[in-house]
């Protein structure tokens, strides 16, 4: 059984000792861990769903859709492709280095620290773990203390499926995270907000621990006049409602061209209402009082028009899905990442105006464009930097393990998923193997005039 901890004492030394045995480097060990993660997702689905209901108020289906299905698919994809990823890559050497051969091999980094978030506390802990074990590393998983039930499930059940001494779960708060970082891991992967990401990077700096930061940002949606408005409204509404909008790549705000802005807004409202009409309580669950108070303040302070929603229940920590039309650019709803079931819709005069608006802010984790023209979509993508982009949908790029997932600028650094995660958690090691014959003496000092001339030509 994998051990779980509530303190950091002795964790890193024990894992370094395991890594030093070389056991985690084998393909067999890596495959066993990936199969274990798949089995965990299958066999403990009920326990996971119960924990996510307790932490986030999610239904069992939403728990499967948001956390379990993606993690299992990621593990399965890695398992089926890992042998190919692990192969050495032969490199052609220049004539000056002949006779010799060269290759790149992917070495495990050592011991990796994974700091999970509260919004998808299972999926966004297992995803980095899949990358870590695929690359042959030992790992510490530190789940979010803000999702205590899910943290407890990871600590209780994950140990039954993985290597007993190479992968450990450490529970605790920010103090525990800081203590772990101070020990000096070989890599740390953090998923969370930008402000906390800065603290993680600062804490990793004294030990020169490399970091992958999966942060957030205000992911925009641009809807062009030629877009299929029905499809755009339906897809925007659906993804916005997932996990009550508490998703790092949720559509944060919409920029709609003037000619279709009113129609789009009406249809988004219709879809929000229809998609949640069957629920006994229409308002969306919010993770805790701090986030609830922040979101209700954003709603109260906005200068825009709230055309649907706006209500809340503090006793139940629930907020109605809300649409705000044309808030001011300096409203909190437009300057802070929303991370809740609130969607501003702004009217813009043109695509150029939308580009200017987005580029005047920090680079987002994702951006989405709805248009019938592939040329227009590609032009927009080329002009607006972002971590990732989707045409005619929102957030679906996260579910493609063949694509790297990560941010840029304030939305993060580094990327993982699939082979990209394997490589992020590996050291790409350059190897050059030379022969001992021939070994021309003229290439050693003191150099003759002929030798220097020849060396200038060869090298």
Protein backbone atom coordinates (compact mmCIF):
# COMPACT_ATOMS: atom_id res chain seq x y z
CA UNK A 1 0.00 0.00 0.00
CA UNK A 2 1.09 3.55 -0.77
CA UNK A 3 1.44 5.54 2.42
CA UNK A 4 -0.40 8.80 3.04
CA UNK A 5 0.86 11.52 5.35
CA UNK A 6 -0.24 14.65 7.13
CA UNK A 7 3.36 15.81 7.74
CA UNK A 8 6.29 16.26 5.39
CA UNK A 9 8.91 14.70 7.64
CA UNK A 10 10.90 11.99 5.90
CA UNK A 11 8.79 11.98 2.75
CA UNK A 12 11.36 13.24 0.26
CA UNK A 13 14.34 11.22 1.57
CA UNK A 14 12.33 8.00 1.45
CA UNK A 15 11.22 8.69 -2.11
CA UNK A 16 14.75 9.56 -3.19
CA UNK A 17 15.92 6.24 -1.79
CA UNK A 18 13.28 4.40 -3.81
CA UNK A 19 14.17 6.29 -6.97
CA UNK A 20 17.84 5.47 -6.48
CA UNK A 21 17.03 1.75 -6.79
CA UNK A 22 16.07 2.32 -10.42
CA UNK A 23 12.81 0.40 -10.01
CA UNK A 24 10.62 3.18 -11.37
CA UNK A 25 12.54 3.41 -14.64
CA UNK A 26 11.22 0.19 -16.16
CA UNK A 27 8.36 0.12 -18.64
CA UNK A 28 6.70 -2.59 -16.54
CA UNK A 29 6.58 -0.40 -13.41
CA UNK A 30 5.18 2.56 -15.30
CA UNK A 31 2.48 0.48 -16.98
CA UNK A 32 1.48 -0.99 -13.62
CA UNK A 33 0.95 2.49 -12.16
CA UNK A 34 -1.13 3.62 -15.13
CA UNK A 35 -3.28 0.50 -14.91
CA UNK A 36 -3.67 1.18 -11.21
CA UNK A 37 -4.99 4.68 -11.89
CA UNK A 38 -7.47 3.26 -14.42
CA UNK A 39 -8.68 0.68 -11.91
CA UNK A 40 -8.97 3.33 -9.21
CA UNK A 41 -11.20 5.43 -11.47
CA UNK A 42 -13.39 2.42 -12.26
CA UNK A 43 -13.63 0.70 -8.90
CA UNK A 44 -13.91 3.78 -6.69
CA UNK A 45 -16.25 5.84 -8.87
CA UNK A 46 -18.97 5.85 -6.20
CA UNK A 47 -16.60 6.98 -3.44
CA UNK A 48 -15.18 9.67 -5.71
CA UNK A 49 -18.65 10.88 -6.69
CA UNK A 50 -19.75 11.04 -3.04
CA UNK A 51 -16.67 13.09 -2.18
CA UNK A 52 -17.19 15.51 -5.06
CA UNK A 53 -20.84 15.91 -4.01
CA UNK A 54 -19.71 16.77 -0.49
CA UNK A 55 -16.99 19.19 -1.63
CA UNK A 56 -18.63 20.84 -4.63
CA UNK A 57 -22.29 19.81 -4.73
CA UNK A 58 -21.81 17.88 -7.96
CA UNK A 59 -24.13 15.20 -9.26
CA UNK A 60 -22.71 11.73 -9.81
CA UNK A 61 -22.78 12.19 -13.59
CA UNK A 62 -21.01 15.55 -13.41
CA UNK A 63 -18.39 13.95 -11.16
CA UNK A 64 -17.78 11.29 -13.79
CA UNK A 65 -17.76 13.81 -16.65
CA UNK A 66 -15.61 16.44 -14.96
CA UNK A 67 -13.03 14.37 -13.06
CA UNK A 68 -13.19 10.64 -13.58
CA UNK A 69 -13.66 10.11 -17.32
CA UNK A 70 -10.86 12.44 -18.36
CA UNK A 71 -8.37 11.02 -15.87
CA UNK A 72 -9.08 7.44 -16.88
CA UNK A 73 -8.83 8.27 -20.59
CA UNK A 74 -5.54 10.09 -19.99
CA UNK A 75 -4.07 7.08 -18.16
CA UNK A 76 -5.25 4.68 -20.83
CA UNK A 77 -3.80 6.83 -23.61
CA UNK A 78 -0.44 7.06 -21.85
CA UNK A 79 -0.37 3.32 -21.20
CA UNK A 80 -0.98 2.49 -24.85
CA UNK A 81 1.65 4.91 -26.16
CA UNK A 82 4.30 4.84 -23.45
CA UNK A 83 6.61 2.29 -25.07
CA UNK A 84 6.87 4.49 -28.16
CA UNK A 85 7.47 7.64 -26.09
CA UNK A 86 10.30 5.97 -24.16
CA UNK A 87 12.34 5.05 -27.24
CA UNK A 88 15.67 6.72 -27.78
CA UNK A 89 15.70 9.16 -30.68
CA UNK A 90 18.70 8.74 -32.95
CA UNK A 91 20.29 11.98 -34.09
CA UNK A 92 22.37 12.45 -37.21
CA UNK A 93 25.79 13.86 -36.30
CA UNK A 94 27.78 16.38 -38.37
CA UNK A 95 30.78 15.19 -40.40
CA UNK A 96 33.17 16.72 -37.88
CA UNK A 97 31.99 14.22 -35.25
CA UNK A 98 32.32 11.06 -37.34
CA UNK A 99 32.76 8.25 -36.53
CA UNK A 100 30.19 8.43 -33.74
CA UNK A 101 26.53 8.13 -33.01
CA UNK A 102 24.16 10.33 -31.01
CA UNK A 103 20.77 10.02 -29.45
CA UNK A 104 18.31 11.67 -27.10
CA UNK A 105 16.94 9.63 -24.23
CA UNK A 106 14.20 10.54 -21.80
CA UNK A 107 15.40 10.14 -18.22
CA UNK A 108 13.10 10.44 -15.19
CA UNK A 109 13.61 13.64 -13.24
CA UNK A 110 13.48 11.97 -9.83
CA UNK A 111 10.78 12.99 -7.35
CA UNK A 112 7.92 15.20 -8.51
CA UNK A 113 5.56 17.27 -6.33
CA UNK A 114 1.96 17.62 -7.54
CA UNK A 115 -0.11 20.36 -5.91
CA UNK A 116 -3.77 19.84 -6.76
CA UNK A 117 -6.60 22.41 -6.93
CA UNK A 118 -10.05 22.34 -5.35
CA UNK A 119 -12.21 22.84 -8.44
CA UNK A 120 -11.44 19.49 -10.11
CA UNK A 121 -9.63 17.97 -7.15
CA UNK A 122 -9.42 14.44 -8.51
CA UNK A 123 -8.87 14.98 -12.24
CA UNK A 124 -6.32 17.75 -11.81
CA UNK A 125 -4.36 15.70 -9.29
CA UNK A 126 -4.38 12.49 -11.33
CA UNK A 127 -3.53 14.18 -14.65
CA UNK A 128 -0.12 15.41 -13.45
CA UNK A 129 0.43 12.11 -11.61
CA UNK A 130 -0.11 10.25 -14.89
CA UNK A 131 2.59 12.40 -16.48
CA UNK A 132 4.93 11.83 -13.54
CA UNK A 133 4.67 8.03 -13.45
CA UNK A 134 4.71 7.78 -17.25
CA UNK A 135 8.14 9.40 -17.10
CA UNK A 136 9.29 6.99 -14.37
CA UNK A 137 9.30 9.37 -11.43
CA UNK A 138 8.42 8.98 -7.80
CA UNK A 139 5.76 11.47 -6.74
CA UNK A 140 4.09 13.27 -3.87
CA UNK A 141 0.44 14.22 -4.39
CA UNK A 142 -0.71 17.13 -2.22
CA UNK A 143 -4.49 17.47 -2.73
CA UNK A 144 -6.29 20.72 -2.00
CA UNK A 145 -7.42 21.20 1.58
CA UNK A 146 -10.40 23.14 0.19
CA UNK A 147 -11.81 19.86 -1.14
CA UNK A 148 -11.34 17.79 2.04
CA UNK A 149 -13.60 14.88 1.12
CA UNK A 150 -11.82 14.29 -2.17
CA UNK A 151 -8.45 14.72 -0.49
CA UNK A 152 -9.46 12.01 1.97
CA UNK A 153 -10.53 9.69 -0.86
CA UNK A 154 -7.18 10.13 -2.59
CA UNK A 155 -5.35 9.45 0.67
CA UNK A 156 -7.47 6.42 1.52
CA UNK A 157 -8.01 4.68 -1.80
CA UNK A 158 -5.23 5.71 -4.16
CA UNK A 159 -2.66 3.85 -2.04
CA UNK A 160 -4.42 0.58 -2.80
CA UNK A 161 -3.68 0.83 -6.49
CA UNK A 162 -0.14 2.24 -6.76
CA UNK A 163 3.42 1.43 -5.70
CA UNK A 164 3.58 1.39 -1.89
CA UNK A 165 6.78 3.37 -1.55
CA UNK A 166 7.19 5.41 -4.73
CA UNK A 167 3.98 7.45 -4.70
CA UNK A 168 2.75 9.13 -1.54
CA UNK A 169 -0.19 11.35 -0.65
CA UNK A 170 0.40 14.23 1.76
CA UNK A 171 -2.66 16.06 3.06
CA UNK A 172 -2.60 19.53 4.54
CA UNK A 173 -2.95 23.25 4.00
CA UNK A 174 -0.74 25.95 2.50
CA UNK A 175 1.79 25.54 5.31
CA UNK A 176 2.31 21.92 4.29
CA UNK A 177 2.70 22.97 0.66
CA UNK A 178 5.36 25.51 1.58
CA UNK A 179 7.19 22.95 3.73
CA UNK A 180 7.23 20.46 0.85
CA UNK A 181 8.53 23.05 -1.60
CA UNK A 182 11.29 24.02 0.80
CA UNK A 183 12.66 20.48 0.69
CA UNK A 184 13.67 20.77 -2.96
CA UNK A 185 11.89 18.43 -5.37
CA UNK A 186 13.08 17.71 -8.90
CA UNK A 187 9.93 19.30 -10.36
CA UNK A 188 6.71 20.81 -9.02
CA UNK A 189 3.44 21.05 -10.88
CA UNK A 190 0.82 23.41 -9.47
CA UNK A 191 -2.73 23.96 -10.68
CA UNK A 192 -4.56 26.98 -9.28
CA UNK A 193 -4.91 30.74 -9.36
CA UNK A 194 -2.35 33.20 -10.67
CA UNK A 195 -1.69 34.89 -7.31
CA UNK A 196 -1.02 31.60 -5.54
CA UNK A 197 1.04 30.52 -8.55
CA UNK A 198 3.39 33.44 -7.87
CA UNK A 199 3.83 32.21 -4.29
CA UNK A 200 4.55 28.68 -5.51
CA UNK A 201 7.19 29.95 -7.90
CA UNK A 202 8.79 32.08 -5.18
CA UNK A 203 8.85 29.15 -2.76
CA UNK A 204 10.46 26.93 -5.41
CA UNK A 205 13.16 29.46 -6.25
CA UNK A 206 15.53 28.92 -3.28
CA UNK A 207 15.98 25.25 -4.19
CA UNK A 208 15.88 25.94 -7.96
CA UNK A 209 12.94 23.56 -8.30
CA UNK A 210 11.59 23.74 -11.87
CA UNK A 211 7.87 24.44 -11.97
CA UNK A 212 4.95 23.85 -14.27
CA UNK A 213 2.22 26.34 -13.41
CA UNK A 214 -1.29 25.72 -14.67
CA UNK A 215 -3.02 28.95 -13.74
CA UNK A 216 -6.13 30.80 -14.82
CA UNK A 217 -7.14 34.01 -16.46
CA UNK A 218 -10.14 35.50 -18.17
CA UNK A 219 -10.73 33.19 -21.12
CA UNK A 220 -12.66 35.19 -23.74
CA UNK A 221 -15.22 34.08 -26.32
CA UNK A 222 -15.55 36.00 -29.58
CA UNK A 223 -18.74 35.42 -31.54
CA UNK A 224 -18.57 36.74 -35.10
CA UNK A 225 -21.62 37.89 -37.02
CA UNK A 226 -21.46 34.86 -39.31
CA UNK A 227 -21.45 32.31 -36.47
CA UNK A 228 -24.20 29.75 -35.92
CA UNK A 229 -25.84 31.61 -33.06
CA UNK A 230 -27.92 28.66 -31.83
CA UNK A 231 -24.87 26.41 -31.53
CA UNK A 232 -22.71 29.15 -30.02
CA UNK A 233 -25.29 30.00 -27.35
CA UNK A 234 -25.85 26.35 -26.45
CA UNK A 235 -22.17 25.49 -26.18
CA UNK A 236 -21.22 28.63 -24.26
CA UNK A 237 -24.04 28.07 -21.76
CA UNK A 238 -23.23 24.38 -21.28
CA UNK A 239 -19.52 24.85 -20.61
CA UNK A 240 -20.14 27.90 -18.41
CA UNK A 241 -22.44 25.86 -16.16
CA UNK A 242 -19.97 22.99 -15.70
CA UNK A 243 -18.90 22.92 -12.05
CA UNK A 244 -20.84 26.17 -11.50
CA UNK A 245 -18.36 28.04 -13.69
CA UNK A 246 -15.53 27.07 -11.32
CA UNK A 247 -13.37 25.89 -14.21
CA UNK A 248 -10.06 27.45 -15.21
CA UNK A 249 -10.93 27.29 -18.92
CA UNK A 250 -14.60 28.25 -18.57
CA UNK A 251 -15.75 31.02 -20.91
CA UNK A 252 -15.13 34.06 -18.72
CA UNK A 253 -16.75 36.70 -20.92
CA UNK A 254 -18.24 37.00 -24.40
CA UNK A 255 -17.46 39.59 -27.06
CA UNK A 256 -20.24 39.59 -29.65
CA UNK A 257 -20.37 41.58 -32.85
CA UNK A 258 -23.02 44.27 -32.70
CA UNK A 259 -25.38 42.81 -35.30
CA UNK A 260 -25.90 39.56 -33.36
CA UNK A 261 -25.21 40.58 -29.75
CA UNK A 262 -28.87 40.85 -28.66
CA UNK A 263 -29.90 37.58 -30.30
CA UNK A 264 -26.91 35.75 -28.82
CA UNK A 265 -27.63 37.07 -25.35
CA UNK A 266 -31.27 35.99 -25.52
CA UNK A 267 -30.32 32.49 -26.63
CA UNK A 268 -27.63 32.12 -23.97
CA UNK A 269 -30.27 33.04 -21.37
CA UNK A 270 -32.71 30.53 -22.85
CA UNK A 271 -30.12 27.76 -22.75
CA UNK A 272 -28.99 28.53 -19.20
CA UNK A 273 -32.60 28.32 -18.06
CA UNK A 274 -33.40 25.17 -20.00
CA UNK A 275 -30.26 23.26 -19.02
CA UNK A 276 -30.90 23.67 -15.30
CA UNK A 277 -34.70 23.76 -15.27
CA UNK A 278 -35.02 20.11 -14.23
CA UNK A 279 -32.92 20.58 -11.11
CA UNK A 280 -34.73 21.01 -7.81
CA UNK A 281 -32.63 24.08 -7.11
CA UNK A 282 -31.69 26.24 -10.06
CA UNK A 283 -28.94 28.12 -8.24
CA UNK A 284 -25.40 26.76 -8.59
CA UNK A 285 -23.31 25.48 -5.64
CA UNK A 286 -20.20 27.52 -4.75
CA UNK A 287 -17.25 25.91 -3.01
CA UNK A 288 -17.05 28.05 0.15
CA UNK A 289 -18.14 31.28 1.84
CA UNK A 290 -15.11 33.23 0.67
CA UNK A 291 -15.82 32.49 -2.98
CA UNK A 292 -19.55 33.04 -2.48
CA UNK A 293 -19.01 36.48 -0.93
CA UNK A 294 -16.61 37.45 -3.71
CA UNK A 295 -19.05 36.46 -6.45
CA UNK A 296 -22.08 38.12 -4.89
CA UNK A 297 -20.02 41.31 -4.47
CA UNK A 298 -19.12 41.17 -8.15
CA UNK A 299 -22.81 40.90 -9.03
CA UNK A 300 -23.80 43.70 -6.69
CA UNK A 301 -21.13 46.13 -7.87
CA UNK A 302 -21.44 45.71 -11.63
CA UNK A 303 -22.46 48.63 -13.80
CA UNK A 304 -23.87 46.26 -16.42
CA UNK A 305 -27.43 45.05 -16.73
CA UNK A 306 -28.19 41.69 -15.12
CA UNK A 307 -30.63 40.16 -17.61
CA UNK A 308 -31.00 36.79 -15.90
CA UNK A 309 -30.13 35.48 -12.45
CA UNK A 310 -28.52 37.71 -9.86
CA UNK A 311 -30.08 35.88 -6.92
CA UNK A 312 -28.19 33.97 -4.26
CA UNK A 313 -28.65 31.95 -1.07
CA UNK A 314 -25.86 32.33 1.47
CA UNK A 315 -27.15 29.57 3.72
CA UNK A 316 -26.86 27.08 0.86
CA UNK A 317 -23.85 28.82 -0.79
CA UNK A 318 -25.66 28.96 -4.11
CA UNK A 319 -25.79 31.60 -6.85
CA UNK A 320 -28.16 31.73 -9.78
CA UNK A 321 -26.57 31.51 -13.24
CA UNK A 322 -26.33 35.16 -14.24
CA UNK A 323 -25.74 37.08 -17.45
CA UNK A 324 -24.50 40.66 -17.31
CA UNK A 325 -24.81 42.79 -20.44
CA UNK A 326 -22.14 45.40 -21.23
CA UNK A 327 -20.45 45.93 -17.86
CA UNK A 328 -17.77 48.63 -17.76
CA UNK A 329 -14.25 47.53 -18.61
CA UNK A 330 -13.08 48.43 -15.10
CA UNK A 331 -15.85 46.49 -13.29
CA UNK A 332 -14.53 43.73 -11.04
CA UNK A 333 -16.41 41.28 -13.24
CA UNK A 334 -14.11 42.37 -16.08
CA UNK A 335 -10.84 42.78 -14.18
CA UNK A 336 -10.86 39.59 -12.06
CA UNK A 337 -11.21 35.98 -13.13
CA UNK A 338 -14.85 35.20 -12.37
CA UNK A 339 -14.67 31.49 -11.49
CA UNK A 340 -18.40 31.23 -10.96
CA UNK A 341 -21.75 31.04 -12.80
CA UNK A 342 -21.62 34.65 -14.01
CA UNK A 343 -21.20 35.52 -17.69
CA UNK A 344 -20.65 39.06 -19.01
CA UNK A 345 -21.67 39.62 -22.64
CA UNK A 346 -20.18 42.69 -24.29
CA UNK A 347 -21.00 44.21 -27.65
CA UNK A 348 -18.08 45.03 -29.95
CA UNK A 349 -18.16 46.89 -33.25
CA UNK A 350 -15.84 44.48 -35.07
CA UNK A 351 -13.41 41.59 -34.83
CA UNK A 352 -10.58 44.13 -34.73
CA UNK A 353 -12.17 45.76 -31.70
CA UNK A 354 -12.40 42.35 -30.01
CA UNK A 355 -8.72 41.67 -30.69
CA UNK A 356 -7.74 45.04 -29.25
CA UNK A 357 -9.89 44.46 -26.16
CA UNK A 358 -8.41 41.03 -25.37
CA UNK A 359 -4.83 42.01 -26.12
CA UNK A 360 -5.13 44.90 -23.70
CA UNK A 361 -5.31 42.36 -20.86
CA UNK A 362 -3.18 39.51 -19.53
CA UNK A 363 -2.81 36.54 -21.86
CA UNK A 364 -5.63 34.08 -21.14
CA UNK A 365 -5.37 30.35 -20.51
CA UNK A 366 -7.79 29.73 -23.38
CA UNK A 367 -9.77 31.64 -25.94
CA UNK A 368 -12.69 30.63 -28.10
CA UNK A 369 -13.95 31.90 -31.44
CA UNK A 370 -17.27 31.13 -33.10
CA UNK A 371 -17.40 31.79 -36.83
CA UNK A 372 -18.38 30.06 -40.08
CA UNK A 373 -15.09 31.11 -41.67
CA UNK A 374 -12.02 28.98 -40.96
CA UNK A 375 -9.87 31.75 -42.41
CA UNK A 376 -11.35 34.30 -40.00
CA UNK A 377 -10.91 31.89 -37.09
CA UNK A 378 -7.25 31.26 -37.91
CA UNK A 379 -6.62 34.97 -38.32
CA UNK A 380 -8.13 35.65 -34.91
CA UNK A 381 -6.09 32.89 -33.29
CA UNK A 382 -2.89 34.23 -34.84
CA UNK A 383 -3.57 37.73 -33.54
CA UNK A 384 -4.56 36.84 -29.95
CA UNK A 385 -2.02 35.01 -27.75
CA UNK A 386 -3.46 32.41 -25.37
CA UNK A 387 -2.53 29.12 -23.76
CA UNK A 388 -4.90 27.21 -26.05
CA UNK A 389 -7.74 27.92 -28.46
CA UNK A 390 -10.91 26.27 -29.71
CA UNK A 391 -12.95 27.12 -32.80
CA UNK A 392 -16.73 26.79 -32.50
CA UNK A 393 -16.71 25.33 -28.99
CA UNK A 394 -15.29 25.98 -25.52
CA UNK A 395 -12.80 24.03 -23.40
CA UNK A 396 -12.84 20.87 -25.52
CA UNK A 397 -9.10 21.04 -26.24
CA UNK A 398 -8.49 19.91 -22.65
CA UNK A 399 -10.01 16.52 -23.50
CA UNK A 400 -7.57 15.81 -26.35
CA UNK A 401 -4.51 14.07 -24.83
CA UNK A 402 -2.59 14.50 -28.07
CA UNK A 403 -2.58 18.27 -27.48
CA UNK A 404 -0.37 20.02 -24.91
CA UNK A 405 -2.34 21.85 -22.24
CA UNK A 406 -0.85 24.90 -20.56
CA UNK A 407 -0.87 28.65 -20.22
CA UNK A 408 1.24 31.57 -21.36
CA UNK A 409 2.24 34.68 -19.47
CA UNK A 410 0.02 35.23 -16.43
CA UNK A 411 -2.01 32.11 -17.27
CA UNK A 412 0.89 29.77 -16.61
CA UNK A 413 4.10 28.23 -17.83
CA UNK A 414 4.85 24.79 -19.18
CA UNK A 415 2.37 22.23 -20.49
CA UNK A 416 1.41 18.62 -20.00
CA UNK A 417 -1.04 15.89 -21.17
CA UNK A 418 -0.14 12.86 -23.22
CA UNK A 419 3.37 12.79 -24.65
CA UNK A 420 3.78 16.44 -23.66
CA UNK A 421 3.32 15.49 -20.01
CA UNK A 422 5.75 12.60 -20.37
CA UNK A 423 8.36 14.95 -21.82
CA UNK A 424 7.67 17.70 -19.26
CA UNK A 425 8.40 15.22 -16.46
CA UNK A 426 11.51 13.83 -18.19
CA UNK A 427 15.00 15.14 -18.79
CA UNK A 428 15.77 15.13 -22.53
CA UNK A 429 19.32 13.87 -22.23
CA UNK A 430 21.79 14.32 -25.07
CA UNK A 431 24.27 11.47 -25.57
CA UNK A 432 27.19 11.37 -28.02
CA UNK A 433 29.11 8.07 -28.30
CA UNK A 434 32.56 8.38 -29.90
CA UNK A 435 35.01 5.70 -31.00
CA UNK A 436 38.61 5.57 -29.85
CA UNK A 437 39.91 4.95 -33.39
CA UNK A 438 40.90 6.90 -35.37
CA UNK A 439 42.41 9.49 -33.03
CA UNK A 440 44.55 11.85 -35.21
CA UNK A 441 47.34 13.37 -33.13
CA UNK A 442 47.33 16.50 -35.26
CA UNK A 443 44.10 17.56 -33.57
CA UNK A 444 45.85 17.92 -30.21
CA UNK A 445 48.12 20.84 -29.25
CA UNK A 446 50.58 22.06 -30.20
CA UNK A 447 48.82 22.61 -33.52
CA UNK A 448 50.74 22.72 -36.77
CA UNK A 449 49.84 25.21 -39.46
CA UNK A 450 48.36 22.40 -41.53
CA UNK A 451 46.33 21.15 -38.56
CA UNK A 452 44.82 24.56 -37.84
CA UNK A 453 43.83 24.95 -41.49
CA UNK A 454 42.30 21.49 -41.57
CA UNK A 455 40.44 22.04 -38.28
CA UNK A 456 38.94 25.27 -39.57
CA UNK A 457 37.52 23.32 -42.50
CA UNK A 458 36.35 20.29 -40.49
CA UNK A 459 34.85 22.08 -37.54
